[in-house]
Amino acid sequence: MNGNHLFQERLTQAINFSGKSTNQIERELGYPRNALHNYKMGSEPSATRLMELSQYFQLPPNYLMGVIPDHIPNNLRAYFEQLNEEQKVEMLKITQK
């Protein structure tokens, strides 16, 4: 996979941004324990796993793979719903300015 370093970095960011633990995400996706940790450490996901991660985090696969430099959320409501409570409050503060 091209941009494996970017994949690791972007996966880590997506996990952190979710406000959930890696283990919680693995359970929700039905992955074995440490699967995401292994990806963050350099293992490459299968195409199926890449698509599952893309859907879970609502990020384009090409963004996760490092093919495109950034992304714009297609569905702002879905983007907002994936924020944790602290992030939602901050977003509301920003939009009220």
C-alpha atoms as a PDB file:
ATOM      1  CA  MET A   1       0.000   0.000   0.000  1.00  0.00           C
ATOM      2  CA  ASN A   2       1.387   3.378  -0.944  1.00  0.00           C
ATOM      3  CA  GLY A   3       1.706   5.866   1.864  1.00  0.00           C
ATOM      4  CA  ASN A   4       1.729   3.218   4.611  1.00  0.00           C
ATOM      5  CA  HIS A   5       3.138   5.795   7.018  1.00  0.00           C
ATOM      6  CA  LEU A   6       0.241   8.101   6.170  1.00  0.00           C
ATOM      7  CA  PHE A   7      -2.207   5.225   6.698  1.00  0.00           C
ATOM      8  CA  GLN A   8      -0.780   4.622  10.171  1.00  0.00           C
ATOM      9  CA  GLU A   9      -0.929   8.332  10.992  1.00  0.00           C
ATOM     10  CA  ARG A  10      -4.448   8.836   9.645  1.00  0.00           C
ATOM     11  CA  LEU A  11      -5.778   5.711  11.352  1.00  0.00           C
ATOM     12  CA  THR A  12      -4.327   6.915  14.653  1.00  0.00           C
ATOM     13  CA  GLN A  13      -5.918  10.342  14.147  1.00  0.00           C
ATOM     14  CA  ALA A  14      -9.286   8.793  13.294  1.00  0.00           C
ATOM     15  CA  ILE A  15      -9.169   6.614  16.415  1.00  0.00           C
ATOM     16  CA  ASN A  16      -8.210   9.569  18.604  1.00  0.00           C
ATOM     17  CA  PHE A  17     -10.863  11.785  17.028  1.00  0.00           C
ATOM     18  CA  SER A  18     -13.542   9.149  17.634  1.00  0.00           C
ATOM     19  CA  GLY A  19     -13.123   9.520  21.396  1.00  0.00           C
ATOM     20  CA  LYS A  20     -13.258   5.732  21.715  1.00  0.00           C
ATOM     21  CA  SER A  21     -10.613   3.289  22.802  1.00  0.00           C
ATOM     22  CA  THR A  22      -8.921   1.102  20.242  1.00  0.00           C
ATOM     23  CA  ASN A  23     -10.338  -1.967  21.976  1.00  0.00           C
ATOM     24  CA  GLN A  24     -13.862  -0.536  21.857  1.00  0.00           C
ATOM     25  CA  ILE A  25     -13.577   0.104  18.123  1.00  0.00           C
ATOM     26  CA  GLU A  26     -12.208  -3.404  17.562  1.00  0.00           C
ATOM     27  CA  ARG A  27     -15.183  -4.869  19.441  1.00  0.00           C
ATOM     28  CA  GLU A  28     -17.665  -2.746  17.464  1.00  0.00           C
ATOM     29  CA  LEU A  29     -16.098  -3.866  14.188  1.00  0.00           C
ATOM     30  CA  GLY A  30     -15.788  -7.496  15.282  1.00  0.00           C
ATOM     31  CA  TYR A  31     -11.996  -7.450  14.891  1.00  0.00           C
ATOM     32  CA  PRO A  32      -9.631  -9.546  16.989  1.00  0.00           C
ATOM     33  CA  ARG A  33      -7.883  -7.764  19.797  1.00  0.00           C
ATOM     34  CA  ASN A  34      -4.837  -5.716  18.710  1.00  0.00           C
ATOM     35  CA  ALA A  35      -5.863  -5.675  15.025  1.00  0.00           C
ATOM     36  CA  LEU A  36      -5.913  -1.862  14.954  1.00  0.00           C
ATOM     37  CA  HIS A  37      -2.727  -1.669  17.003  1.00  0.00           C
ATOM     38  CA  ASN A  38      -1.047  -3.894  14.417  1.00  0.00           C
ATOM     39  CA  TYR A  39      -2.202  -1.572  11.631  1.00  0.00           C
ATOM     40  CA  LYS A  40      -0.868   1.436  13.515  1.00  0.00           C
ATOM     41  CA  MET A  41       2.464  -0.374  13.825  1.00  0.00           C
ATOM     42  CA  GLY A  42       2.823  -1.092  10.097  1.00  0.00           C
ATOM     43  CA  SER A  43       0.648  -4.076   9.170  1.00  0.00           C
ATOM     44  CA  GLU A  44      -1.495  -3.449   6.133  1.00  0.00           C
ATOM     45  CA  PRO A  45      -5.234  -4.113   6.162  1.00  0.00           C
ATOM     46  CA  SER A  46      -6.957  -6.168   3.503  1.00  0.00           C
ATOM     47  CA  ALA A  47      -9.133  -4.319   1.016  1.00  0.00           C
ATOM     48  CA  THR A  48     -12.193  -5.476   2.966  1.00  0.00           C
ATOM     49  CA  ARG A  49     -10.817  -4.151   6.237  1.00  0.00           C
ATOM     50  CA  LEU A  50      -9.822  -0.884   4.570  1.00  0.00           C
ATOM     51  CA  MET A  51     -13.406  -0.434   3.363  1.00  0.00           C
ATOM     52  CA  GLU A  52     -14.787  -1.304   6.822  1.00  0.00           C
ATOM     53  CA  LEU A  53     -12.490   1.233   8.472  1.00  0.00           C
ATOM     54  CA  SER A  54     -13.406   3.808   5.845  1.00  0.00           C
ATOM     55  CA  GLN A  55     -17.106   3.318   6.525  1.00  0.00           C
ATOM     56  CA  TYR A  56     -16.671   3.211  10.300  1.00  0.00           C
ATOM     57  CA  PHE A  57     -14.726   6.471  10.466  1.00  0.00           C
ATOM     58  CA  GLN A  58     -16.606   7.970   7.504  1.00  0.00           C
ATOM     59  CA  LEU A  59     -13.362   8.752   5.714  1.00  0.00           C
ATOM     60  CA  PRO A  60     -12.598   8.024   2.054  1.00  0.00           C
ATOM     61  CA  PRO A  61     -10.349   4.963   1.599  1.00  0.00           C
ATOM     62  CA  ASN A  62      -8.045   7.053  -0.597  1.00  0.00           C
ATOM     63  CA  TYR A  63      -7.605   9.486   2.283  1.00  0.00           C
ATOM     64  CA  LEU A  64      -6.779   6.702   4.746  1.00  0.00           C
ATOM     65  CA  MET A  65      -4.286   5.238   2.266  1.00  0.00           C
ATOM     66  CA  GLY A  66      -2.562   8.586   1.760  1.00  0.00           C
ATOM     67  CA  VAL A  67      -3.546   8.911  -1.908  1.00  0.00           C
ATOM     68  CA  ILE A  68      -5.393  12.198  -1.385  1.00  0.00           C
ATOM     69  CA  PRO A  69      -4.150  14.931   0.968  1.00  0.00           C
ATOM     70  CA  ASP A  70      -7.396  15.756   2.774  1.00  0.00           C
ATOM     71  CA  HIS A  71     -11.103  15.175   2.760  1.00  0.00           C
ATOM     72  CA  ILE A  72     -14.321  17.070   3.167  1.00  0.00           C
ATOM     73  CA  PRO A  73     -17.091  15.253   5.029  1.00  0.00           C
ATOM     74  CA  ASN A  74     -19.999  14.383   2.735  1.00  0.00           C
ATOM     75  CA  ASN A  75     -22.532  14.235   5.531  1.00  0.00           C
ATOM     76  CA  LEU A  76     -22.099  16.908   8.186  1.00  0.00           C
ATOM     77  CA  ARG A  77     -24.763  15.379  10.448  1.00  0.00           C
ATOM     78  CA  ALA A  78     -22.947  12.042  10.429  1.00  0.00           C
ATOM     79  CA  TYR A  79     -19.676  13.869  11.066  1.00  0.00           C
ATOM     80  CA  PHE A  80     -21.210  15.690  14.042  1.00  0.00           C
ATOM     81  CA  GLU A  81     -22.705  12.478  15.431  1.00  0.00           C
ATOM     82  CA  GLN A  82     -19.319  10.771  15.526  1.00  0.00           C
ATOM     83  CA  LEU A  83     -17.894  13.505  17.781  1.00  0.00           C
ATOM     84  CA  ASN A  84     -17.657  12.904  21.505  1.00  0.00           C
ATOM     85  CA  GLU A  85     -19.615  15.195  23.835  1.00  0.00           C
ATOM     86  CA  GLU A  86     -16.704  17.572  24.455  1.00  0.00           C
ATOM     87  CA  GLN A  87     -16.076  17.931  20.728  1.00  0.00           C
ATOM     88  CA  LYS A  88     -19.792  18.571  20.086  1.00  0.00           C
ATOM     89  CA  VAL A  89     -19.856  21.347  22.680  1.00  0.00           C
ATOM     90  CA  GLU A  90     -16.751  22.917  21.124  1.00  0.00           C
ATOM     91  CA  MET A  91     -18.274  22.687  17.649  1.00  0.00           C
ATOM     92  CA  LEU A  92     -21.439  24.385  18.881  1.00  0.00           C
ATOM     93  CA  LYS A  93     -19.370  27.179  20.418  1.00  0.00           C
ATOM     94  CA  ILE A  94     -17.541  27.687  17.136  1.00  0.00           C
ATOM     95  CA  THR A  95     -20.743  27.840  15.116  1.00  0.00           C
ATOM     96  CA  GLN A  96     -22.281  30.398  17.469  1.00  0.00           C
ATOM     97  CA  LYS A  97     -19.442  32.887  16.938  1.00  0.00           C
END
